[in-house]
C-alpha atoms as a PDB file:
ATOM      1  CA  MET A   1     -34.660  99.869 -93.324  1.00  0.00           C
ATOM      2  CA  TYR A   2     -38.411 100.455 -92.932  1.00  0.00           C
ATOM      3  CA  GLY A   3     -38.469 103.929 -94.551  1.00  0.00           C
ATOM      4  CA  ASN A   4     -41.118 103.671 -97.251  1.00  0.00           C
ATOM      5  CA  GLU A   5     -41.406  99.914 -96.989  1.00  0.00           C
ATOM      6  CA  GLN A   6     -44.189  98.080 -95.226  1.00  0.00           C
ATOM      7  CA  LEU A   7     -43.428  97.579 -91.514  1.00  0.00           C
ATOM      8  CA  PRO A   8     -43.445  93.966 -90.350  1.00  0.00           C
ATOM      9  CA  GLN A   9     -46.787  92.687 -89.106  1.00  0.00           C
ATOM     10  CA  ILE A  10     -46.572  93.121 -85.348  1.00  0.00           C
ATOM     11  CA  ARG A  11     -49.270  92.917 -82.711  1.00  0.00           C
ATOM     12  CA  ASN A  12     -50.344  96.287 -81.333  1.00  0.00           C
ATOM     13  CA  ILE A  13     -49.053  96.606 -77.760  1.00  0.00           C
ATOM     14  CA  ASN A  14     -51.464  99.438 -76.979  1.00  0.00           C
ATOM     15  CA  GLN A  15     -54.361  97.348 -78.200  1.00  0.00           C
ATOM     16  CA  THR A  16     -53.173  94.518 -75.961  1.00  0.00           C
ATOM     17  CA  THR A  17     -52.877  96.890 -73.016  1.00  0.00           C
ATOM     18  CA  SER A  18     -56.421  98.159 -73.489  1.00  0.00           C
ATOM     19  CA  GLN A  19     -57.614  94.560 -73.770  1.00  0.00           C
ATOM     20  CA  SER A  20     -55.717  93.833 -70.564  1.00  0.00           C
ATOM     21  CA  THR A  21     -57.580  96.646 -68.840  1.00  0.00           C
ATOM     22  CA  ALA A  22     -60.803  95.022 -69.972  1.00  0.00           C
ATOM     23  CA  TYR A  23     -59.663  91.812 -68.243  1.00  0.00           C
ATOM     24  CA  ILE A  24     -59.605  93.628 -64.927  1.00  0.00           C
ATOM     25  CA  GLU A  25     -63.161  94.748 -65.461  1.00  0.00           C
ATOM     26  CA  SER A  26     -64.505  91.431 -66.722  1.00  0.00           C
ATOM     27  CA  ALA A  27     -63.050  88.262 -65.235  1.00  0.00           C
ATOM     28  CA  THR A  28     -60.445  87.417 -62.672  1.00  0.00           C
ATOM     29  CA  PRO A  29     -59.107  84.319 -64.496  1.00  0.00           C
ATOM     30  CA  ASP A  30     -58.316  86.538 -67.488  1.00  0.00           C
ATOM     31  CA  LEU A  31     -56.434  88.964 -65.237  1.00  0.00           C
ATOM     32  CA  ILE A  32     -54.303  86.151 -63.910  1.00  0.00           C
ATOM     33  CA  LYS A  33     -53.754  84.846 -67.439  1.00  0.00           C
ATOM     34  CA  TRP A  34     -52.657  88.329 -68.554  1.00  0.00           C
ATOM     35  CA  GLN A  35     -50.357  88.784 -65.556  1.00  0.00           C
ATOM     36  CA  LEU A  36     -48.630  85.473 -66.212  1.00  0.00           C
ATOM     37  CA  SER A  37     -48.325  85.971 -69.959  1.00  0.00           C
ATOM     38  CA  ASN A  38     -44.995  87.065 -71.372  1.00  0.00           C
ATOM     39  CA  GLU A  39     -46.496  88.188 -74.700  1.00  0.00           C
ATOM     40  CA  ASP A  40     -46.564  91.925 -73.933  1.00  0.00           C
ATOM     41  CA  THR A  41     -42.966  91.866 -72.739  1.00  0.00           C
ATOM     42  CA  ILE A  42     -41.768  89.894 -75.755  1.00  0.00           C
ATOM     43  CA  ASP A  43     -43.749  92.079 -78.178  1.00  0.00           C
ATOM     44  CA  GLN A  44     -42.421  95.300 -76.640  1.00  0.00           C
ATOM     45  CA  LEU A  45     -38.873  93.947 -76.724  1.00  0.00           C
ATOM     46  CA  GLU A  46     -39.252  93.000 -80.382  1.00  0.00           C
ATOM     47  CA  ASN A  47     -40.555  96.475 -81.203  1.00  0.00           C
ATOM     48  CA  ASP A  48     -37.634  98.063 -79.332  1.00  0.00           C
ATOM     49  CA  ILE A  49     -35.152  95.940 -81.274  1.00  0.00           C
ATOM     50  CA  ARG A  50     -36.887  96.812 -84.558  1.00  0.00           C
ATOM     51  CA  GLY A  51     -36.788 100.526 -83.695  1.00  0.00           C
ATOM     52  CA  ILE A  52     -40.504 100.990 -84.076  1.00  0.00           C
ATOM     53  CA  ILE A  53     -43.189 102.419 -81.825  1.00  0.00           C
ATOM     54  CA  TRP A  54     -46.964 102.530 -81.967  1.00  0.00           C
ATOM     55  CA  ASP A  55     -48.278 105.988 -82.777  1.00  0.00           C
ATOM     56  CA  PRO A  56     -51.773 106.248 -81.271  1.00  0.00           C
ATOM     57  CA  MET A  57     -52.577 109.353 -83.321  1.00  0.00           C
ATOM     58  CA  LEU A  58     -51.723 107.676 -86.639  1.00  0.00           C
ATOM     59  CA  LYS A  59     -52.911 104.286 -85.372  1.00  0.00           C
ATOM     60  CA  LYS A  60     -49.918 102.530 -86.875  1.00  0.00           C
ATOM     61  CA  TYR A  61     -46.319 101.668 -86.162  1.00  0.00           C
ATOM     62  CA  ILE A  62     -43.687 104.208 -87.079  1.00  0.00           C
ATOM     63  CA  CYS A  63     -39.971 103.754 -87.457  1.00  0.00           C
ATOM     64  CA  VAL A  64     -37.971 105.903 -85.028  1.00  0.00           C
ATOM     65  CA  ARG A  65     -34.505 104.470 -85.717  1.00  0.00           C
ATOM     66  CA  ASP A  66     -32.722 101.699 -87.568  1.00  0.00           C
ATOM     67  CA  PRO A  67     -33.285  98.186 -86.187  1.00  0.00           C
ATOM     68  CA  LEU A  68     -30.617  96.828 -83.840  1.00  0.00           C
ATOM     69  CA  MET A  69     -30.531  93.549 -85.784  1.00  0.00           C
ATOM     70  CA  ASN A  70     -32.111  91.836 -88.770  1.00  0.00           C
ATOM     71  CA  ASP A  71     -35.121  89.487 -88.767  1.00  0.00           C
ATOM     72  CA  ARG A  72     -32.935  86.411 -88.343  1.00  0.00           C
ATOM     73  CA  GLY A  73     -31.354  87.889 -85.204  1.00  0.00           C
ATOM     74  CA  ILE A  74     -34.689  89.026 -83.830  1.00  0.00           C
ATOM     75  CA  SER A  75     -36.115  85.563 -84.345  1.00  0.00           C
ATOM     76  CA  ALA A  76     -33.123  83.990 -82.576  1.00  0.00           C
ATOM     77  CA  VAL A  77     -33.253  86.224 -79.487  1.00  0.00           C
ATOM     78  CA  ILE A  78     -37.044  86.026 -79.198  1.00  0.00           C
ATOM     79  CA  SER A  79     -36.835  82.223 -79.455  1.00  0.00           C
ATOM     80  CA  LEU A  80     -34.230  82.285 -76.717  1.00  0.00           C
ATOM     81  CA  LEU A  81     -36.244  84.559 -74.406  1.00  0.00           C
ATOM     82  CA  LYS A  82     -39.761  83.162 -74.792  1.00  0.00           C
ATOM     83  CA  PRO A  83     -39.338  79.967 -72.780  1.00  0.00           C
ATOM     84  CA  ILE A  84     -37.169  81.550 -70.093  1.00  0.00           C
ATOM     85  CA  THR A  85     -39.677  84.345 -69.450  1.00  0.00           C
ATOM     86  CA  SER A  86     -42.685  82.010 -69.307  1.00  0.00           C
ATOM     87  CA  LYS A  87     -45.183  81.527 -66.494  1.00  0.00           C
ATOM     88  CA  THR A  88     -43.293  78.381 -65.491  1.00  0.00           C
ATOM     89  CA  VAL A  89     -40.336  80.567 -64.553  1.00  0.00           C
ATOM     90  CA  ILE A  90     -42.476  83.372 -63.097  1.00  0.00           C
ATOM     91  CA  LEU A  91     -44.282  80.948 -60.784  1.00  0.00           C
ATOM     92  CA  SER A  92     -41.085  79.291 -59.604  1.00  0.00           C
ATOM     93  CA  ASN A  93     -39.685  79.649 -56.122  1.00  0.00           C
ATOM     94  CA  LEU A  94     -36.104  80.819 -56.633  1.00  0.00           C
ATOM     95  CA  PRO A  95     -33.688  81.936 -53.940  1.00  0.00           C
ATOM     96  CA  GLU A  96     -31.762  85.113 -54.704  1.00  0.00           C
ATOM     97  CA  GLN A  97     -28.438  83.302 -55.148  1.00  0.00           C
ATOM     98  CA  GLN A  98     -29.947  80.995 -57.760  1.00  0.00           C
ATOM     99  CA  ILE A  99     -31.346  84.011 -59.624  1.00  0.00           C
ATOM    100  CA  PHE A 100     -27.879  85.533 -59.831  1.00  0.00           C
ATOM    101  CA  THR A 101     -26.378  82.210 -60.947  1.00  0.00           C
ATOM    102  CA  MET A 102     -29.050  81.726 -63.623  1.00  0.00           C
ATOM    103  CA  SER A 103     -28.580  85.323 -64.797  1.00  0.00           C
ATOM    104  CA  LYS A 104     -24.838  84.828 -65.085  1.00  0.00           C
ATOM    105  CA  HIS A 105     -25.349  81.632 -67.128  1.00  0.00           C
ATOM    106  CA  PHE A 106     -27.831  83.389 -69.398  1.00  0.00           C
ATOM    107  CA  SER A 107     -25.488  86.332 -69.847  1.00  0.00           C
ATOM    108  CA  PHE A 108     -22.661  83.993 -70.850  1.00  0.00           C
ATOM    109  CA  ARG A 109     -24.829  82.085 -73.375  1.00  0.00           C
ATOM    110  CA  LEU A 110     -26.261  85.307 -74.790  1.00  0.00           C
ATOM    111  CA  THR A 111     -22.864  86.995 -75.144  1.00  0.00           C
ATOM    112  CA  LYS A 112     -21.490  83.896 -76.869  1.00  0.00           C
ATOM    113  CA  LEU A 113     -24.463  83.761 -79.263  1.00  0.00           C
ATOM    114  CA  LEU A 114     -24.356  87.476 -80.156  1.00  0.00           C
ATOM    115  CA  ALA A 115     -20.568  87.619 -80.521  1.00  0.00           C
ATOM    116  CA  LYS A 116     -20.415  84.491 -82.649  1.00  0.00           C
ATOM    117  CA  ARG A 117     -23.308  85.416 -84.937  1.00  0.00           C
ATOM    118  CA  HIS A 118     -23.336  89.234 -84.921  1.00  0.00           C
ATOM    119  CA  CYS A 119     -22.567  89.412 -88.666  1.00  0.00           C
ATOM    120  CA  GLU A 120     -25.300  86.913 -89.505  1.00  0.00           C
ATOM    121  CA  PHE A 121     -27.741  88.860 -87.281  1.00  0.00           C
ATOM    122  CA  GLY A 122     -26.772  92.218 -88.800  1.00  0.00           C
ATOM    123  CA  ILE A 123     -25.609  93.617 -85.456  1.00  0.00           C
ATOM    124  CA  ASP A 124     -23.136  96.503 -85.349  1.00  0.00           C
ATOM    125  CA  LYS A 125     -20.271  95.459 -83.048  1.00  0.00           C
ATOM    126  CA  HIS A 126     -20.694  98.674 -81.073  1.00  0.00           C
ATOM    127  CA  MET A 127     -24.262  97.672 -80.244  1.00  0.00           C
ATOM    128  CA  LEU A 128     -23.454  94.233 -78.817  1.00  0.00           C
ATOM    129  CA  THR A 129     -23.283  95.430 -75.203  1.00  0.00           C
ATOM    130  CA  PRO A 130     -26.474  97.553 -75.261  1.00  0.00           C
ATOM    131  CA  ILE A 131     -28.394  94.715 -76.928  1.00  0.00           C
ATOM    132  CA  ALA A 132     -27.091  92.165 -74.421  1.00  0.00           C
ATOM    133  CA  ASP A 133     -27.959  94.514 -71.533  1.00  0.00           C
ATOM    134  CA  MET A 134     -31.516  94.949 -72.841  1.00  0.00           C
ATOM    135  CA  LEU A 135     -32.083  91.193 -73.115  1.00  0.00           C
ATOM    136  CA  GLU A 136     -30.404  90.414 -69.793  1.00  0.00           C
ATOM    137  CA  ASP A 137     -32.583  93.002 -68.032  1.00  0.00           C
ATOM    138  CA  VAL A 138     -35.748  91.313 -69.304  1.00  0.00           C
ATOM    139  CA  TYR A 139     -34.531  87.923 -68.111  1.00  0.00           C
ATOM    140  CA  PHE A 140     -33.384  89.213 -64.719  1.00  0.00           C
ATOM    141  CA  ALA A 141     -36.693  91.034 -64.125  1.00  0.00           C
ATOM    142  CA  THR A 142     -38.561  87.808 -64.919  1.00  0.00           C
ATOM    143  CA  LEU A 143     -36.432  85.856 -62.467  1.00  0.00           C
ATOM    144  CA  MET A 144     -36.960  88.479 -59.770  1.00  0.00           C
ATOM    145  CA  ARG A 145     -40.710  87.909 -60.047  1.00  0.00           C
ATOM    146  CA  ALA A 146     -39.978  84.335 -58.954  1.00  0.00           C
ATOM    147  CA  LYS A 147     -37.732  85.378 -56.045  1.00  0.00           C
ATOM    148  CA  ASP A 148     -38.758  83.346 -53.016  1.00  0.00           C
ATOM    149  CA  GLY A 149     -42.052  82.476 -54.747  1.00  0.00           C
ATOM    150  CA  GLY A 150     -43.045  86.148 -54.799  1.00  0.00           C
ATOM    151  CA  GLU A 151     -45.344  86.070 -57.818  1.00  0.00           C
ATOM    152  CA  ARG A 152     -47.044  82.896 -56.643  1.00  0.00           C
ATOM    153  CA  GLU A 153     -47.486  84.364 -53.156  1.00  0.00           C
ATOM    154  CA  PHE A 154     -48.886  87.606 -54.582  1.00  0.00           C
ATOM    155  CA  LEU A 155     -51.432  85.738 -56.670  1.00  0.00           C
ATOM    156  CA  SER A 156     -52.539  83.553 -53.777  1.00  0.00           C
ATOM    157  CA  LYS A 157     -53.022  86.597 -51.524  1.00  0.00           C
ATOM    158  CA  ALA A 158     -54.627  88.777 -54.191  1.00  0.00           C
ATOM    159  CA  VAL A 159     -57.262  86.249 -55.151  1.00  0.00           C
ATOM    160  CA  GLU A 160     -59.615  84.906 -52.537  1.00  0.00           C
ATOM    161  CA  ARG A 161     -61.474  81.790 -53.555  1.00  0.00           C
ATOM    162  CA  LYS A 162     -64.976  81.466 -52.232  1.00  0.00           C
ATOM    163  CA  GLU A 163     -67.268  78.523 -52.311  1.00  0.00           C
ATOM    164  CA  ILE A 164     -70.628  79.461 -53.704  1.00  0.00           C
ATOM    165  CA  ILE A 165     -73.637  77.297 -53.147  1.00  0.00           C
ATOM    166  CA  SER A 166     -76.265  77.653 -55.824  1.00  0.00           C
ATOM    167  CA  ASN A 167     -79.996  77.482 -55.214  1.00  0.00           C
ATOM    168  CA  ASP A 168     -80.096  73.801 -56.094  1.00  0.00           C
ATOM    169  CA  GLY A 169     -77.417  73.020 -53.501  1.00  0.00           C
ATOM    170  CA  GLU A 170     -74.708  72.333 -56.063  1.00  0.00           C
ATOM    171  CA  ARG A 171     -71.309  73.616 -54.985  1.00  0.00           C
ATOM    172  CA  LYS A 172     -69.451  75.829 -57.403  1.00  0.00           C
ATOM    173  CA  ARG A 173     -66.074  77.454 -57.110  1.00  0.00           C
ATOM    174  CA  GLY A 174     -65.732  81.124 -57.870  1.00  0.00           C
ATOM    175  CA  ILE A 175     -63.150  83.809 -57.512  1.00  0.00           C
ATOM    176  CA  GLY A 176     -63.940  87.034 -55.742  1.00  0.00           C
ATOM    177  CA  ASN A 177     -62.322  89.935 -53.932  1.00  0.00           C
ATOM    178  CA  LEU A 178     -59.581  90.248 -56.490  1.00  0.00           C
ATOM    179  CA  PHE A 179     -57.741  92.970 -54.629  1.00  0.00           C
ATOM    180  CA  LYS A 180     -58.061  93.448 -50.895  1.00  0.00           C
ATOM    181  CA  PHE A 181     -57.874  97.059 -49.804  1.00  0.00           C
END
Protein backbone atom coordinates (compact mmCIF):
# COMPACT_ATOMS: atom_id res chain seq x y z
CA MET A 1 0.00 0.00 0.00
CA TYR A 2 2.82 2.43 0.83
CA GLY A 3 5.30 1.10 -1.78
CA ASN A 4 6.33 4.17 -3.75
CA GLU A 5 3.64 6.37 -2.26
CA GLN A 6 4.21 8.93 0.45
CA LEU A 7 3.90 7.40 3.93
CA PRO A 8 1.30 9.01 6.17
CA GLN A 9 2.55 11.87 8.31
CA ILE A 10 3.32 10.22 11.64
CA ARG A 11 5.22 11.54 14.63
CA ASN A 12 8.69 10.06 15.03
CA ILE A 13 8.67 7.71 18.04
CA ASN A 14 12.47 7.75 18.28
CA GLN A 15 12.45 11.53 18.31
CA THR A 16 9.87 11.43 21.09
CA THR A 17 11.96 8.93 23.03
CA SER A 18 15.06 11.11 22.80
CA GLN A 19 12.97 14.10 23.89
CA SER A 20 11.71 11.98 26.78
CA THR A 21 15.29 11.30 27.81
CA ALA A 22 15.86 15.04 27.83
CA TYR A 23 12.93 15.36 30.27
CA ILE A 24 14.79 13.22 32.77
CA GLU A 25 17.77 15.51 32.53
CA SER A 26 15.85 18.78 32.64
CA ALA A 27 12.72 18.91 34.79
CA THR A 28 10.85 16.53 36.99
CA PRO A 29 7.35 17.80 36.05
CA ASP A 30 8.14 16.97 32.42
CA LEU A 31 9.19 13.44 33.42
CA ILE A 32 5.90 12.91 35.18
CA LYS A 33 4.02 14.37 32.21
CA TRP A 34 5.87 11.99 29.87
CA GLN A 35 5.26 8.98 32.13
CA LEU A 36 1.53 9.69 32.27
CA SER A 37 1.17 10.42 28.56
CA ASN A 38 -0.25 7.72 26.32
CA GLU A 39 1.05 9.36 23.12
CA ASP A 40 4.09 7.11 22.66
CA THR A 41 2.01 3.98 23.17
CA ILE A 42 -0.70 5.14 20.78
CA ASP A 43 1.84 6.26 18.17
CA GLN A 44 3.75 2.97 18.35
CA LEU A 45 0.50 1.01 18.09
CA GLU A 46 -0.55 3.03 15.04
CA ASN A 47 2.82 2.39 13.40
CA ASP A 48 2.53 -1.34 14.13
CA ILE A 49 -0.93 -1.44 12.57
CA ARG A 50 0.32 0.50 9.53
CA GLY A 51 3.26 -1.90 9.13
CA ILE A 52 5.85 0.82 9.27
CA ILE A 53 8.95 1.36 11.38
CA TRP A 54 11.34 4.25 11.87
CA ASP A 55 14.70 3.63 10.24
CA PRO A 56 17.28 5.67 12.17
CA MET A 57 19.87 5.26 9.41
CA LEU A 58 17.55 6.62 6.70
CA LYS A 59 15.85 8.97 9.16
CA LYS A 60 12.43 8.14 7.81
CA TYR A 61 9.65 5.61 8.12
CA ILE A 62 9.85 2.49 6.00
CA CYS A 63 7.15 0.01 5.15
CA VAL A 64 7.95 -3.50 6.39
CA ARG A 65 4.60 -5.15 5.60
CA ASP A 66 1.08 -4.39 4.45
CA PRO A 67 -1.08 -2.49 6.95
CA LEU A 68 -3.42 -4.57 9.11
CA MET A 69 -6.30 -2.19 8.32
CA ASN A 70 -7.10 0.95 6.36
CA ASP A 71 -7.06 4.55 7.63
CA ARG A 72 -10.72 4.41 8.63
CA GLY A 73 -10.09 1.35 10.81
CA ILE A 74 -6.95 2.84 12.30
CA SER A 75 -8.82 6.00 13.17
CA ALA A 76 -11.62 3.99 14.80
CA VAL A 77 -9.35 1.84 17.00
CA ILE A 78 -7.12 4.77 17.98
CA SER A 79 -10.23 6.78 18.92
CA LEU A 80 -11.38 3.84 21.00
CA LEU A 81 -8.03 3.38 22.78
CA LYS A 82 -7.00 6.97 23.47
CA PRO A 83 -9.43 7.74 26.29
CA ILE A 84 -9.14 4.31 27.92
CA THR A 85 -5.34 4.50 28.06
CA SER A 86 -5.27 8.04 29.46
CA LYS A 87 -3.68 9.30 32.67
CA THR A 88 -7.13 9.24 34.27
CA VAL A 89 -7.12 5.46 33.94
CA ILE A 90 -3.42 5.08 34.78
CA LEU A 91 -3.83 7.04 38.02
CA SER A 92 -6.91 5.10 39.09
CA ASN A 93 -6.97 2.68 41.98
CA LEU A 94 -8.35 -0.54 40.51
CA PRO A 95 -8.58 -3.90 42.25
CA GLU A 96 -7.42 -6.87 40.19
CA GLN A 97 -10.94 -8.28 39.78
CA GLN A 98 -12.18 -5.00 38.34
CA ILE A 99 -9.27 -4.96 35.88
CA PHE A 100 -10.26 -8.39 34.61
CA THR A 101 -13.92 -7.36 34.36
CA MET A 102 -13.04 -4.15 32.49
CA SER A 103 -10.73 -6.10 30.17
CA LYS A 104 -13.46 -8.61 29.41
CA HIS A 105 -15.92 -5.79 28.61
CA PHE A 106 -13.37 -4.10 26.36
CA SER A 107 -12.61 -7.36 24.60
CA PHE A 108 -16.31 -7.92 23.92
CA ARG A 109 -16.83 -4.38 22.55
CA LEU A 110 -13.66 -4.58 20.46
CA THR A 111 -14.51 -8.00 19.00
CA LYS A 112 -18.01 -6.78 18.14
CA LEU A 113 -16.64 -3.63 16.47
CA LEU A 114 -13.96 -5.46 14.43
CA ALA A 115 -16.24 -8.33 13.39
CA LYS A 116 -19.07 -6.03 12.38
CA ARG A 117 -16.92 -3.56 10.45
CA HIS A 118 -13.95 -5.64 9.26
CA CYS A 119 -14.84 -5.09 5.58
CA GLU A 120 -15.21 -1.34 6.06
CA PHE A 121 -11.87 -1.27 7.94
CA GLY A 122 -10.10 -3.35 5.29
CA ILE A 123 -9.24 -6.12 7.76
CA ASP A 124 -8.51 -9.64 6.51
CA LYS A 125 -10.74 -12.02 8.49
CA HIS A 126 -7.70 -14.12 9.38
CA MET A 127 -6.15 -11.10 11.09
CA LEU A 128 -9.10 -10.30 13.38
CA THR A 129 -7.73 -12.28 16.33
CA PRO A 130 -4.13 -10.98 16.16
CA ILE A 131 -5.39 -7.39 15.84
CA ALA A 132 -7.80 -7.82 18.76
CA ASP A 133 -5.01 -9.40 20.86
CA MET A 134 -2.68 -6.47 20.11
CA LEU A 135 -5.27 -3.89 21.15
CA GLU A 136 -6.42 -5.85 24.21
CA ASP A 137 -2.81 -6.17 25.40
CA VAL A 138 -2.35 -2.39 25.30
CA TYR A 139 -5.55 -1.86 27.28
CA PHE A 140 -4.75 -4.57 29.83
CA ALA A 141 -1.21 -3.22 30.38
CA THR A 142 -2.67 0.24 30.99
CA LEU A 143 -5.13 -1.13 33.53
CA MET A 144 -2.37 -3.05 35.30
CA ARG A 145 -0.54 0.23 35.87
CA ALA A 146 -3.59 1.27 37.90
CA LYS A 147 -3.74 -1.99 39.89
CA ASP A 148 -4.22 -1.08 43.54
CA GLY A 149 -3.12 2.49 42.77
CA GLY A 150 0.32 1.26 41.73
CA GLU A 151 1.22 4.07 39.33
CA ARG A 152 -0.01 6.73 41.73
CA GLU A 153 1.92 5.11 44.59
CA PHE A 154 5.08 4.88 42.48
CA LEU A 155 4.89 8.55 41.56
CA SER A 156 4.32 9.64 45.15
CA LYS A 157 7.30 7.60 46.36
CA ALA A 158 9.58 8.52 43.46
CA VAL A 159 9.11 12.24 43.83
CA GLU A 160 9.91 13.93 47.10
CA ARG A 161 8.49 17.40 47.46
CA LYS A 162 10.60 19.83 49.40
CA GLU A 163 9.72 23.23 50.66
CA ILE A 164 12.31 25.76 49.65
CA ILE A 165 12.58 29.07 51.38
CA SER A 166 14.07 31.78 49.22
CA ASN A 167 16.33 34.54 50.49
CA ASP A 168 13.41 36.93 50.86
CA GLY A 169 11.55 34.44 53.06
CA GLU A 170 8.96 33.58 50.42
CA ARG A 171 8.02 29.91 50.43
CA LYS A 172 8.23 28.07 47.15
CA ARG A 173 7.45 24.48 46.32
CA GLY A 174 9.96 22.46 44.39
CA ILE A 175 10.50 18.88 43.42
CA GLY A 176 13.74 17.14 44.18
CA ASN A 177 15.26 13.71 44.66
CA LEU A 178 13.43 12.27 41.71
CA PHE A 179 14.68 8.75 42.26
CA LYS A 180 15.80 7.50 45.64
CA PHE A 181 18.64 5.02 45.48
